[in-house]
Protein backbone atom coordinates (compact mmCIF):
# COMPACT_ATOMS: atom_id res chain seq x y z
CA MET A 1 0.02 0.00 0.03
CA TYR A 2 1.39 3.47 -0.98
CA MET A 3 1.19 5.80 1.98
CA GLY A 4 3.70 8.60 0.98
CA ASN A 5 1.20 11.43 0.74
CA LEU A 6 -0.86 10.53 3.80
CA ARG A 7 -0.83 12.71 6.91
CA PRO A 8 0.21 11.07 10.24
CA GLN A 9 -3.38 10.94 11.45
CA ASP A 10 -4.43 9.27 8.21
CA THR A 11 -1.67 6.79 8.57
CA ARG A 12 -2.82 5.89 12.10
CA ARG A 13 -6.36 5.53 10.90
CA ALA A 14 -5.39 3.27 7.98
CA ALA A 15 -3.35 1.12 10.33
CA TRP A 16 -6.28 0.93 12.81
CA LEU A 17 -8.72 -0.19 10.03
CA ALA A 18 -6.30 -2.78 8.83
CA GLY A 19 -5.97 -4.21 12.42
CA VAL A 20 -9.76 -4.30 12.81
CA GLY A 21 -10.16 -6.15 9.50
CA LEU A 22 -7.53 -8.74 10.43
CA ALA A 23 -9.19 -9.32 13.84
CA ALA A 24 -12.61 -9.78 12.12
CA CYS A 25 -11.15 -12.35 9.74
CA LEU A 26 -9.53 -14.29 12.53
CA PHE A 27 -12.83 -14.27 14.59
CA LEU A 28 -14.89 -15.49 11.59
CA GLY A 29 -12.35 -18.16 10.87
CA ALA A 30 -12.32 -19.35 14.49
CA SER A 31 -16.20 -19.42 14.63
CA THR A 32 -16.31 -21.54 11.46
CA TYR A 33 -13.82 -23.91 12.76
CA ALA A 34 -15.67 -24.30 16.08
CA GLN A 35 -18.99 -25.03 14.34
CA ASP A 36 -17.41 -27.62 12.16
CA ALA A 37 -15.88 -29.18 15.11
CA LYS A 38 -19.14 -29.32 17.07
CA ALA A 39 -21.15 -30.70 14.13
CA PRO A 40 -21.94 -34.34 15.03
CA ALA A 41 -20.94 -36.97 12.51
CA LYS A 42 -23.91 -38.54 10.76
CA SER A 43 -24.38 -42.10 11.98
CA GLU A 44 -24.83 -44.57 9.17
CA ALA A 45 -27.06 -47.68 9.54
CA PRO A 46 -25.06 -50.93 9.57
CA GLU A 47 -24.92 -52.66 6.28
CA VAL A 48 -26.99 -55.71 5.68
CA SER A 49 -26.14 -58.73 3.52
CA PRO A 50 -27.84 -58.67 0.13
CA ARG A 51 -28.50 -62.40 0.67
CA LEU A 52 -31.02 -61.49 3.41
CA ALA A 53 -33.54 -60.79 0.65
CA ASP A 54 -33.38 -64.55 -0.19
CA VAL A 55 -34.69 -65.63 3.21
CA LYS A 56 -37.94 -67.33 2.36
CA ARG A 57 -37.89 -70.92 3.77
CA ILE A 58 -36.61 -70.84 7.37
CA CYS A 59 -36.37 -73.08 10.35
CA VAL A 60 -36.29 -71.82 13.98
CA GLN A 61 -33.89 -73.97 15.90
CA GLY A 62 -34.44 -74.81 19.60
CA PHE A 63 -33.22 -72.44 22.22
CA GLY A 64 -32.52 -75.25 24.82
CA GLY A 65 -34.42 -77.86 26.48
CA ASP A 66 -35.90 -75.75 29.32
CA ALA A 67 -39.26 -74.00 29.45
CA LEU A 68 -37.68 -70.59 28.62
CA GLY A 69 -36.06 -71.83 25.48
CA TYR A 70 -39.29 -73.54 24.37
CA GLN A 71 -41.25 -70.36 25.01
CA ALA A 72 -38.80 -68.24 23.02
CA GLN A 73 -38.87 -70.66 20.08
CA GLU A 74 -42.66 -70.71 19.97
CA ALA A 75 -42.88 -66.95 20.23
CA LEU A 76 -40.52 -66.50 17.29
CA ILE A 77 -42.35 -69.05 15.16
CA ALA A 78 -45.63 -67.26 15.91
CA LYS A 79 -44.25 -63.80 15.00
CA LEU A 80 -42.61 -65.09 11.77
CA PHE A 81 -45.84 -66.77 10.74
CA GLU A 82 -47.86 -63.57 11.46
CA ALA A 83 -45.61 -61.64 9.04
CA LYS A 84 -46.83 -63.87 6.19
CA ARG A 85 -43.51 -63.50 4.38
CA PHE A 86 -41.83 -66.81 5.18
CA SER A 87 -42.33 -70.49 4.71
CA ILE A 88 -41.58 -72.02 8.10
CA THR A 89 -40.57 -75.64 8.60
CA GLU A 90 -39.59 -77.62 11.71
CA ASN A 91 -37.17 -79.70 9.67
CA CYS A 92 -34.02 -77.65 9.63
CA GLU A 93 -32.33 -79.96 7.20
CA LYS A 94 -34.85 -78.98 4.47
CA ALA A 95 -34.70 -75.25 5.25
CA ASP A 96 -32.64 -72.82 3.20
CA PHE A 97 -31.83 -70.81 6.36
CA VAL A 98 -31.83 -71.55 10.01
CA LEU A 99 -32.64 -69.07 12.84
CA LYS A 100 -30.45 -69.67 15.87
CA GLY A 101 -29.81 -67.87 19.12
CA SER A 102 -30.18 -67.58 22.84
CA VAL A 103 -32.55 -65.98 25.36
CA VAL A 104 -32.13 -64.68 28.91
CA GLU A 105 -34.94 -63.61 31.18
CA ARG A 106 -34.53 -61.63 34.43
CA ALA A 107 -37.22 -61.03 37.13
CA GLU A 108 -37.10 -58.57 40.00
CA THR A 109 -39.55 -58.72 42.81
CA VAL A 110 -40.24 -55.47 44.83
CA HIS A 111 -42.07 -55.59 48.17
CA ARG A 112 -43.76 -52.54 49.61
CA SER A 113 -45.44 -52.16 53.00
CA GLU A 114 -47.14 -49.31 54.79
CA SER A 115 -48.78 -49.01 58.20
CA GLU A 116 -50.79 -46.40 60.10
CA SER A 117 -52.16 -46.43 63.63
CA ILE A 118 -54.16 -44.08 65.84
CA GLY A 119 -54.92 -44.22 69.55
CA PHE A 120 -57.17 -42.27 71.94
CA GLY A 121 -57.87 -42.15 75.73
CA GLN A 122 -60.05 -40.32 78.16
CA GLY A 123 -60.11 -40.39 82.02
CA ALA A 124 -61.91 -38.79 84.90
CA SER A 125 -61.48 -38.84 88.67
CA GLY A 126 -63.25 -37.39 91.71
CA SER A 127 -63.27 -37.38 95.57
CA SER A 128 -65.58 -36.33 98.43
CA SER A 129 -65.16 -36.01 102.17
CA SER A 130 -67.45 -35.01 105.14
CA SER A 131 -67.05 -34.67 108.87
CA SER A 132 -69.41 -34.27 111.85
CA SER A 133 -69.24 -33.82 115.60
CA ILE A 134 -71.78 -35.16 118.11
CA GLY A 135 -71.31 -34.91 121.82
CA GLY A 136 -67.62 -34.16 121.50
CA VAL A 137 -67.17 -37.05 119.16
CA ARG A 138 -65.85 -36.08 115.77
CA SER A 139 -66.18 -38.42 112.73
CA SER A 140 -65.12 -38.01 109.15
CA ASN A 141 -65.81 -39.86 105.93
CA SER A 142 -64.04 -39.60 102.54
CA SER A 143 -64.29 -41.34 99.20
CA SER A 144 -62.59 -41.14 95.83
CA GLY A 145 -62.84 -42.80 92.44
CA SER A 146 -61.40 -42.65 88.89
CA ALA A 147 -62.33 -44.13 85.47
CA ARG A 148 -60.45 -44.30 82.20
CA VAL A 149 -61.43 -45.31 78.68
CA SER A 150 -58.85 -45.92 75.90
CA GLY A 151 -58.74 -47.53 72.44
CA GLY A 152 -56.87 -47.56 69.22
CA ALA A 153 -56.87 -48.74 65.58
CA SER A 154 -54.22 -49.67 63.12
CA GLU A 155 -54.00 -50.49 59.41
CA ALA A 156 -51.28 -52.22 57.44
CA LEU A 157 -50.98 -52.38 53.58
CA SER A 158 -48.49 -54.45 51.66
CA SER A 159 -47.99 -55.29 48.00
CA THR A 160 -45.58 -57.33 45.83
CA GLU A 161 -44.70 -56.41 42.25
CA THR A 162 -42.64 -58.52 39.92
CA LYS A 163 -40.89 -56.88 36.89
CA GLN A 164 -39.59 -58.88 34.08
CA SER A 165 -37.14 -58.18 31.24
CA ALA A 166 -35.67 -60.44 28.54
CA ALA A 167 -32.88 -60.30 26.00
CA VAL A 168 -32.65 -62.43 22.75
CA THR A 169 -29.64 -62.73 20.55
CA LEU A 170 -30.40 -64.14 17.11
CA ARG A 171 -28.51 -65.07 13.97
CA ILE A 172 -29.55 -66.48 10.55
CA VAL A 173 -27.17 -68.98 8.91
CA ASP A 174 -27.30 -70.68 5.57
CA ARG A 175 -26.72 -74.38 4.80
CA ASP A 176 -23.03 -73.86 4.83
CA GLY A 177 -23.03 -72.32 8.33
CA GLU A 178 -22.41 -68.76 7.11
CA VAL A 179 -23.96 -66.05 9.28
CA ILE A 180 -25.84 -63.58 7.07
CA TRP A 181 -27.69 -61.65 9.79
CA ALA A 182 -27.53 -61.07 13.58
CA THR A 183 -29.25 -59.00 16.13
CA SER A 184 -29.59 -58.61 19.81
CA GLN A 185 -32.81 -57.13 21.32
CA GLU A 186 -33.56 -56.38 24.98
CA THR A 187 -36.75 -55.24 26.64
CA GLY A 188 -37.19 -52.87 29.47
CA GLU A 189 -38.69 -53.85 32.77
CA GLY A 190 -42.42 -54.36 32.60
CA LYS A 191 -45.29 -56.42 33.94
CA ALA A 192 -48.11 -56.09 31.47
CA LYS A 193 -46.74 -58.38 28.72
CA SER A 194 -44.52 -61.39 28.54
CA ALA A 195 -40.99 -60.22 28.30
CA VAL A 196 -39.89 -63.05 26.08
CA GLY A 197 -42.76 -62.51 23.73
CA LEU A 198 -41.97 -58.80 23.51
CA ALA A 199 -38.24 -59.53 22.81
CA ALA A 200 -39.26 -61.93 20.07
CA GLU A 201 -41.57 -59.36 18.57
CA MET A 202 -38.82 -56.74 18.54
CA ALA A 203 -36.35 -59.12 16.88
CA VAL A 204 -38.75 -60.02 14.10
CA ARG A 205 -39.59 -56.34 13.41
CA ARG A 206 -35.84 -55.73 13.08
CA LEU A 207 -35.49 -58.73 10.68
CA LEU A 208 -38.26 -57.45 8.48
CA ARG A 209 -36.75 -53.93 8.33
CA ASP A 210 -33.34 -55.40 7.37
CA ILE A 211 -34.91 -57.62 4.71
CA ASP A 212 -36.67 -54.60 3.16
CA ARG A 213 -33.32 -52.75 3.16
CA ALA A 214 -31.55 -55.71 1.53
CA SER A 215 -34.31 -55.82 -1.16
CA ARG A 216 -34.03 -52.08 -1.91
CA ASP A 217 -30.20 -52.05 -2.05
CA ARG A 218 -29.86 -55.15 -4.25
CA PRO A 219 -28.72 -54.23 -7.74
CA THR A 220 -31.36 -54.71 -10.38
CA PRO A 221 -30.25 -57.37 -12.94
CA LYS A 222 -29.80 -56.06 -16.43
């Protein structure tokens, strides 16, 4: 910048304006950097195998020989059948895909008790005395008495509440044993609905969503 013909006050003013401009540029740059740093990264949905769209004939393998495993297996079969998108077989050797997994159920029992009592009482007492003198002989008589009435009442309330939760971990494998899909679903604590049935419903909903994604993402054959 040529400043040969500027007066001293003009020189100071030009220097001051240049400093203000530089400070403004630095502030804007810092603000932009801070906004970029605070911007959260967009989370991408996990990829699904394109082969998931081929799941049509499926077998639900047992979850163990106990009552909980049998309940989970039956719940999954019922939910898959309700979806009306699968051919379900109990012969896993004839199925194209097998649904395997495990189930865990937790129960928590909470006891609550409350009590309330009230009491009352009322009492009264009295006394009397008299004296007399006849022929120089003095006599006296006195009596006293008291009475009290009391009572009370109490009430106690108690309740027991059992909260259940369940977690299922599932995977789908093909005839070669390759895993093409897996998920883990856990319910919150509740008491109105079977925790195992709710976990099975959540898992089947997730499976249907992933199958739809696999069908949309599959390249169209030319």
